[in-house]
Amino acid sequence: MTIRVRLLRANHGDCILVSHESVDGTFNLLIDGGNPATFKHGPRLRYDGELCVVLDEIKNKNQVIDLAILTHIDDDHIGGLIRAFEASGYLQDLVKAIWFNSSKYVTNYFDHAEIPENDVRLSDVSPDTSAQQGKALEDILEDMGCERRAIVKAGQVISQGPFTFKILSPNESDLRKLLRVWPYDGEPPETSGNKTDHSLSFDEIWADDKFKEDASFTNGSSIAFIAEADGKSMLFLGDAHDKTVVESLKSLDFSSEKKLRVDLVKVSHHGSQHNTSTEFLEMIEAEKFLISTDGSRHGLPDKRTIARILSYSEKGLICFNYNSVIESLLLPSEISLYSCRLHALTEKIEY
């Protein structure tokens, strides 16, 4: 049996394919879809992004996406999936089950009136139909007969295919914050813009490091989970709030003395300093820390996050899907000391 993890080049977003291969066949888990260009980009969308390439590979092998997880509604996580749903012969034919805390599911869960402005709508192919008039994703999933879960929240333990999922985020408080009109892009002021802290040295950061929690309610609604199969354990955090993840780990009896040991961590919110605290890092032990971004938006990853990981993980590799990000993080005087800990992924991670 083999587990392969592929951190796709999703521009400034997240798109991850986890494939479990056994004598019974292949179970494909797709986590998010990056921004729209992750599927198609360029004039008239003539160029294939990495999500499109991967979906073509799956189709050519006569496989399916057994489970797709849309962690939350920000465009750099859902945009590529929406574009793939709009294209003929892709997700509408391939996806068998999907986890997505849609506005309809959230309002039903809290017995609240529906919020039509939050409907995720797909563009119609007709030139006479606007995006707002296009079909709602909820209706498409219903037409597909796609397997759904009413709500995904912290504390649940879910078995699907070969995987056991322990859900860490969102909690009920995080979900309740979705009972309002959602913004198109919910980054708070402290994580927006392109200013970086990369000119600071690690020594300067370690001498004065303070943690301030992410304030974005859409990030806080991220589905985050531990996925376990064949004795392997992986932690996927979407853009989840650090506080929610720490509380969930404590509820599972993990602490700085009794650490959660995982093979890899997909670091929250593209390496933002507002989503990875030292308290969290003290509770885990990981071989690899995955950060997904090309560095083009919001100044991410923050070098402060890299400094924290280096400080609290003696051997863990910090892995990126864009080599250029590594080049921007290290000062000339730091290359010989830390380049061995920062790694550009050029192929799948295999277990």
Protein backbone atom coordinates (compact mmCIF):
# COMPACT_ATOMS: atom_id res chain seq x y z
CA MET A 1 0.00 0.00 0.00
CA THR A 2 1.22 3.50 -0.89
CA ILE A 3 0.11 7.03 0.01
CA ARG A 4 1.17 9.82 -2.33
CA VAL A 5 0.76 13.50 -1.46
CA ARG A 6 0.98 16.06 -4.24
CA LEU A 7 1.16 19.75 -3.29
CA LEU A 8 0.06 21.33 -6.55
CA ARG A 9 1.33 24.69 -7.73
CA ALA A 10 -1.79 26.67 -6.92
CA ASN A 11 -0.38 30.20 -7.21
CA HIS A 12 -1.13 31.91 -3.86
CA GLY A 13 -3.65 29.22 -2.87
CA ASP A 14 -4.01 25.61 -1.75
CA CYS A 15 -4.64 22.54 -3.89
CA ILE A 16 -3.56 19.10 -2.62
CA LEU A 17 -4.11 15.62 -4.01
CA VAL A 18 -3.67 12.65 -1.66
CA SER A 19 -3.84 9.25 -3.35
CA HIS A 20 -4.05 5.97 -1.42
CA GLU A 21 -3.10 2.99 -3.59
CA SER A 22 -3.77 -0.61 -2.59
CA VAL A 23 -4.79 -3.94 -4.11
CA ASP A 24 -8.38 -2.67 -3.85
CA GLY A 25 -7.64 0.28 -6.11
CA THR A 26 -6.86 3.97 -5.70
CA PHE A 27 -8.71 6.37 -3.40
CA ASN A 28 -8.17 10.00 -4.44
CA LEU A 29 -8.68 12.78 -1.92
CA LEU A 30 -8.67 16.35 -3.30
CA ILE A 31 -8.27 19.16 -0.78
CA ASP A 32 -9.19 22.58 -2.21
CA GLY A 33 -8.56 23.79 -5.74
CA GLY A 34 -6.41 26.91 -5.53
CA ASN A 35 -7.46 30.11 -7.28
CA PRO A 36 -9.24 29.98 -10.69
CA ALA A 37 -5.93 29.96 -12.62
CA THR A 38 -5.00 26.67 -10.91
CA PHE A 39 -7.46 25.01 -13.30
CA LYS A 40 -7.31 27.18 -16.46
CA HIS A 41 -5.62 30.47 -17.22
CA GLY A 42 -4.57 32.80 -20.02
CA PRO A 43 -6.55 34.33 -22.92
CA ARG A 44 -9.87 32.49 -23.27
CA LEU A 45 -8.57 30.10 -20.59
CA ARG A 46 -6.55 28.23 -23.20
CA TYR A 47 -3.78 27.07 -20.82
CA ASP A 48 -4.09 24.17 -18.38
CA GLY A 49 -3.20 24.75 -14.75
CA GLU A 50 -1.93 21.96 -12.50
CA LEU A 51 -5.42 21.07 -11.26
CA CYS A 52 -6.57 20.51 -14.84
CA VAL A 53 -3.50 18.37 -15.56
CA VAL A 54 -4.11 16.24 -12.47
CA LEU A 55 -7.81 15.77 -13.26
CA ASP A 56 -6.89 14.68 -16.80
CA GLU A 57 -4.46 12.14 -15.34
CA ILE A 58 -7.20 10.77 -13.07
CA LYS A 59 -9.65 10.53 -15.98
CA ASN A 60 -7.09 8.76 -18.17
CA LYS A 61 -6.56 6.17 -15.42
CA ASN A 62 -10.33 5.60 -15.19
CA GLN A 63 -10.23 6.80 -11.59
CA VAL A 64 -12.40 9.31 -9.72
CA ILE A 65 -12.13 11.91 -6.97
CA ASP A 66 -13.51 9.76 -4.18
CA LEU A 67 -13.68 12.71 -1.79
CA ALA A 68 -13.23 16.44 -2.36
CA ILE A 69 -12.89 18.73 0.65
CA LEU A 70 -13.56 22.44 0.18
CA THR A 71 -12.05 23.78 3.37
CA HIS A 72 -13.66 27.24 3.17
CA ILE A 73 -14.99 29.81 0.74
CA ASP A 74 -11.99 32.06 0.04
CA ASP A 75 -11.20 32.30 -3.66
CA ASP A 76 -7.62 31.01 -3.35
CA HIS A 77 -9.04 27.70 -2.09
CA ILE A 78 -12.31 27.32 -3.98
CA GLY A 79 -11.74 29.27 -7.21
CA GLY A 80 -10.05 26.47 -9.14
CA LEU A 81 -12.73 23.99 -8.14
CA ILE A 82 -15.49 26.35 -9.28
CA ARG A 83 -13.79 26.76 -12.65
CA ALA A 84 -13.43 22.97 -12.91
CA PHE A 85 -17.12 22.51 -12.10
CA GLU A 86 -17.93 24.97 -14.88
CA ALA A 87 -15.92 22.96 -17.43
CA SER A 88 -17.52 20.00 -19.17
CA GLY A 89 -16.19 16.55 -18.29
CA TYR A 90 -14.34 17.38 -15.12
CA LEU A 91 -15.58 17.57 -11.54
CA GLN A 92 -19.23 17.03 -12.43
CA ASP A 93 -18.17 13.64 -13.82
CA LEU A 94 -15.40 12.79 -11.36
CA VAL A 95 -16.42 13.75 -7.81
CA LYS A 96 -18.25 11.10 -5.81
CA ALA A 97 -18.37 12.75 -2.38
CA ILE A 98 -17.76 16.29 -1.16
CA TRP A 99 -17.39 18.04 2.19
CA PHE A 100 -18.30 21.71 2.08
CA ASN A 101 -19.88 23.75 4.86
CA SER A 102 -21.99 25.72 2.42
CA SER A 103 -24.14 28.64 3.51
CA LYS A 104 -27.25 26.50 3.07
CA TYR A 105 -25.86 23.76 5.33
CA VAL A 106 -24.72 26.28 7.95
CA THR A 107 -28.05 28.11 8.05
CA ASN A 108 -29.91 24.79 8.25
CA TYR A 109 -27.66 23.66 11.10
CA PHE A 110 -28.47 26.76 13.15
CA ASP A 111 -32.12 26.89 12.03
CA HIS A 112 -31.43 30.32 10.53
CA ALA A 113 -32.97 31.92 7.47
CA GLU A 114 -31.01 31.23 4.27
CA ILE A 115 -28.68 33.97 3.00
CA PRO A 116 -29.05 33.98 -0.82
CA GLU A 117 -26.08 36.34 -1.26
CA ASN A 118 -23.81 33.50 -0.08
CA ASP A 119 -24.87 31.02 -2.74
CA VAL A 120 -21.83 29.89 -4.74
CA ARG A 121 -22.90 30.30 -8.35
CA LEU A 122 -21.25 28.98 -11.49
CA SER A 123 -21.16 30.89 -14.76
CA ASP A 124 -23.46 29.60 -17.48
CA VAL A 125 -21.93 28.82 -20.88
CA SER A 126 -24.54 31.02 -22.55
CA PRO A 127 -23.26 34.52 -23.40
CA ASP A 128 -26.71 35.85 -22.43
CA THR A 129 -26.42 34.55 -18.86
CA SER A 130 -24.54 36.45 -16.17
CA ALA A 131 -22.53 34.78 -13.41
CA GLN A 132 -25.20 35.71 -10.87
CA GLN A 133 -27.80 33.99 -13.07
CA GLY A 134 -25.72 30.83 -13.42
CA LYS A 135 -26.58 27.66 -11.62
CA ALA A 136 -25.86 27.36 -7.89
CA LEU A 137 -23.19 24.86 -6.83
CA GLU A 138 -25.68 23.35 -4.36
CA ASP A 139 -28.05 22.52 -7.23
CA ILE A 140 -25.26 21.00 -9.31
CA LEU A 141 -24.15 18.77 -6.43
CA GLU A 142 -27.74 17.66 -5.94
CA ASP A 143 -28.10 16.89 -9.66
CA MET A 144 -24.85 14.88 -9.50
CA GLY A 145 -26.17 12.78 -6.62
CA CYS A 146 -22.93 13.65 -4.88
CA GLU A 147 -22.56 12.23 -1.37
CA ARG A 148 -22.67 15.07 1.20
CA ARG A 149 -22.32 15.54 4.94
CA ALA A 150 -24.76 17.90 6.62
CA ILE A 151 -21.98 19.75 8.45
CA VAL A 152 -18.31 19.10 9.20
CA LYS A 153 -17.10 20.39 12.56
CA ALA A 154 -14.53 19.91 15.31
CA GLY A 155 -14.87 16.78 17.41
CA GLN A 156 -16.17 14.52 14.64
CA VAL A 157 -14.36 11.30 13.70
CA ILE A 158 -15.25 10.23 10.17
CA SER A 159 -14.21 7.13 8.24
CA GLN A 160 -14.16 7.43 4.45
CA GLY A 161 -12.45 4.88 2.25
CA PRO A 162 -9.09 3.93 3.79
CA PHE A 163 -8.88 7.15 5.83
CA THR A 164 -9.97 8.09 9.32
CA PHE A 165 -10.49 11.84 9.69
CA LYS A 166 -10.36 13.58 13.05
CA ILE A 167 -11.87 17.02 12.57
CA LEU A 168 -10.15 19.89 14.42
CA SER A 169 -11.87 22.93 12.90
CA PRO A 170 -14.27 24.71 12.64
CA ASN A 171 -16.01 24.66 16.01
CA GLU A 172 -19.58 25.85 16.54
CA SER A 173 -18.47 29.37 17.35
CA ASP A 174 -16.51 29.54 14.08
CA LEU A 175 -19.50 28.25 12.12
CA ARG A 176 -21.92 30.69 13.75
CA LYS A 177 -19.81 33.59 12.45
CA LEU A 178 -20.82 32.52 8.93
CA LEU A 179 -24.39 33.65 9.59
CA ARG A 180 -23.79 36.88 7.69
CA VAL A 181 -23.10 37.88 4.11
CA TRP A 182 -19.71 36.51 3.16
CA PRO A 183 -17.06 38.79 1.64
CA TYR A 184 -15.44 37.84 -1.63
CA ASP A 185 -12.03 37.70 0.00
CA GLY A 186 -11.93 37.77 3.79
CA GLU A 187 -8.29 38.52 4.62
CA PRO A 188 -7.98 40.91 7.57
CA PRO A 189 -5.81 44.05 7.28
CA GLU A 190 -2.84 42.49 9.07
CA THR A 191 -2.50 39.79 6.41
CA SER A 192 -3.18 41.87 3.30
CA GLY A 193 -0.77 43.67 1.02
CA ASN A 194 2.59 42.45 -0.21
CA LYS A 195 4.92 43.84 2.45
CA THR A 196 7.08 41.05 3.87
CA ASP A 197 9.26 40.51 6.91
CA HIS A 198 11.89 38.69 4.83
CA SER A 199 14.52 41.38 5.38
CA LEU A 200 14.64 40.48 9.07
CA SER A 201 17.15 37.89 10.24
CA PHE A 202 16.01 34.84 12.17
CA ASP A 203 17.97 36.14 15.16
CA GLU A 204 16.03 39.43 15.06
CA ILE A 205 12.73 37.56 14.90
CA TRP A 206 13.59 35.19 17.74
CA ALA A 207 14.61 38.14 19.93
CA ASP A 208 11.17 39.77 19.60
CA ASP A 209 8.41 37.35 18.62
CA LYS A 210 4.78 38.05 19.49
CA PHE A 211 1.75 36.11 18.28
CA LYS A 212 -1.45 37.83 17.15
CA GLU A 213 -4.39 35.65 16.10
CA ASP A 214 -5.88 35.81 12.58
CA ALA A 215 -9.15 37.79 12.68
CA SER A 216 -10.72 36.54 9.42
CA PHE A 217 -14.00 34.73 10.09
CA THR A 218 -13.81 32.95 6.73
CA ASN A 219 -10.35 31.57 7.59
CA GLY A 220 -11.74 30.54 10.96
CA SER A 221 -14.40 28.46 9.23
CA SER A 222 -11.75 26.28 7.54
CA ILE A 223 -12.14 22.53 7.76
CA ALA A 224 -8.92 21.26 9.40
CA PHE A 225 -8.26 17.62 10.21
CA ILE A 226 -5.91 14.77 10.98
CA ALA A 227 -6.05 12.11 8.24
CA GLU A 228 -4.83 8.63 9.20
CA ALA A 229 -4.31 5.51 7.07
CA ASP A 230 -1.91 2.56 7.10
CA GLY A 231 -0.13 3.81 10.21
CA LYS A 232 0.53 7.22 8.63
CA SER A 233 -0.83 10.46 10.04
CA MET A 234 -1.15 13.80 8.24
CA LEU A 235 -2.38 17.16 9.50
CA PHE A 236 -4.14 19.45 7.00
CA LEU A 237 -5.00 22.87 8.38
CA GLY A 238 -6.49 24.89 5.50
CA ASP A 239 -6.47 28.48 6.79
CA ALA A 240 -7.76 27.46 10.23
CA HIS A 241 -7.39 29.60 13.33
CA ASP A 242 -4.58 28.52 15.61
CA LYS A 243 -6.73 28.82 18.74
CA THR A 244 -9.37 26.41 17.42
CA VAL A 245 -6.75 23.84 16.38
CA VAL A 246 -4.95 24.06 19.74
CA GLU A 247 -8.22 23.63 21.64
CA SER A 248 -9.10 20.58 19.54
CA LEU A 249 -5.68 19.00 20.08
CA LYS A 250 -6.05 19.54 23.83
CA SER A 251 -9.46 17.85 23.72
CA LEU A 252 -7.69 14.84 22.15
CA ASP A 253 -5.29 14.84 25.11
CA PHE A 254 -2.28 16.20 23.25
CA SER A 255 0.08 18.65 24.92
CA SER A 256 3.72 19.76 24.93
CA GLU A 257 4.42 16.66 27.04
CA LYS A 258 2.27 14.31 24.94
CA LYS A 259 2.84 15.45 21.38
CA LEU A 260 0.82 14.63 18.29
CA ARG A 261 3.24 12.83 15.97
CA VAL A 262 2.47 13.22 12.27
CA ASP A 263 4.30 12.54 9.06
CA LEU A 264 3.43 15.94 7.62
CA VAL A 265 1.64 19.19 8.41
CA LYS A 266 0.06 21.43 5.77
CA VAL A 267 0.76 24.71 7.56
CA SER A 268 -2.24 26.99 8.03
CA HIS A 269 -2.90 30.02 5.83
CA HIS A 270 0.16 29.78 3.56
CA GLY A 271 2.57 30.31 6.44
CA SER A 272 0.94 33.40 7.96
CA GLN A 273 2.40 34.34 11.34
CA HIS A 274 -1.17 34.84 12.58
CA ASN A 275 -2.10 31.15 12.19
CA THR A 276 0.88 29.23 13.63
CA SER A 277 1.77 29.83 17.28
CA THR A 278 4.58 28.45 19.36
CA GLU A 279 1.91 26.82 21.57
CA PHE A 280 0.72 24.81 18.57
CA LEU A 281 4.25 23.88 17.49
CA GLU A 282 5.09 22.67 20.99
CA MET A 283 2.20 20.17 20.73
CA ILE A 284 3.27 18.45 17.52
CA GLU A 285 6.18 16.52 16.10
CA ALA A 286 6.36 16.35 12.31
CA GLU A 287 8.77 15.18 9.61
CA LYS A 288 7.59 17.74 7.06
CA PHE A 289 5.88 21.13 7.17
CA LEU A 290 4.19 21.99 3.85
CA ILE A 291 3.61 25.61 2.83
CA SER A 292 1.58 26.33 -0.29
CA THR A 293 2.04 29.74 -1.94
CA ASP A 294 4.01 31.43 -4.69
CA GLY A 295 4.52 34.44 -2.43
CA SER A 296 2.57 36.77 -4.72
CA ARG A 297 -0.06 37.96 -2.22
CA HIS A 298 -0.33 39.16 1.37
CA GLY A 299 3.43 38.94 1.96
CA LEU A 300 3.13 35.22 2.68
CA PRO A 301 4.77 33.15 3.95
CA ASP A 302 5.86 35.21 6.93
CA LYS A 303 9.48 34.60 7.86
CA ARG A 304 8.30 34.73 11.47
CA THR A 305 6.43 31.45 10.91
CA ILE A 306 9.54 29.83 9.42
CA ALA A 307 11.54 31.01 12.44
CA ARG A 308 9.04 29.44 14.83
CA ILE A 309 9.13 26.11 13.02
CA LEU A 310 12.93 26.10 12.98
CA SER A 311 12.97 26.86 16.70
CA TYR A 312 10.46 24.22 17.78
CA SER A 313 11.21 21.42 15.31
CA GLU A 314 14.80 20.21 15.37
CA LYS A 315 14.67 18.03 12.24
CA GLY A 316 11.43 18.77 10.38
CA LEU A 317 11.82 19.84 6.74
CA ILE A 318 9.92 22.94 5.64
CA CYS A 319 8.66 22.19 2.13
CA PHE A 320 7.43 24.67 -0.50
CA ASN A 321 5.79 24.22 -3.89
CA TYR A 322 7.72 27.21 -5.31
CA ASN A 323 11.52 27.40 -5.08
CA SER A 324 11.43 31.20 -5.49
CA VAL A 325 9.84 31.50 -2.06
CA ILE A 326 12.87 29.87 -0.44
CA GLU A 327 15.18 32.24 -2.27
CA SER A 328 13.31 35.24 -0.86
CA LEU A 329 13.32 33.99 2.74
CA LEU A 330 17.01 33.48 3.45
CA LEU A 331 19.52 36.28 3.87
CA PRO A 332 22.99 35.58 2.38
CA SER A 333 24.38 34.95 5.87
CA GLU A 334 21.62 32.39 6.58
CA ILE A 335 21.93 30.20 3.48
CA SER A 336 24.66 27.90 4.80
CA LEU A 337 22.90 27.49 8.16
CA TYR A 338 19.30 26.91 7.13
CA SER A 339 19.05 25.97 3.44
CA CYS A 340 19.21 22.29 4.40
CA ARG A 341 15.94 22.70 6.31
CA LEU A 342 14.03 24.45 3.49
CA HIS A 343 13.11 22.20 0.60
CA ALA A 344 11.40 22.78 -2.77
CA LEU A 345 9.05 19.95 -3.71
CA THR A 346 9.67 18.73 -7.25
CA GLU A 347 7.68 15.49 -6.98
CA LYS A 348 5.08 13.71 -4.90
CA ILE A 349 5.69 12.85 -1.26
CA GLU A 350 5.40 9.07 -1.01
CA TYR A 351 4.86 6.75 1.95
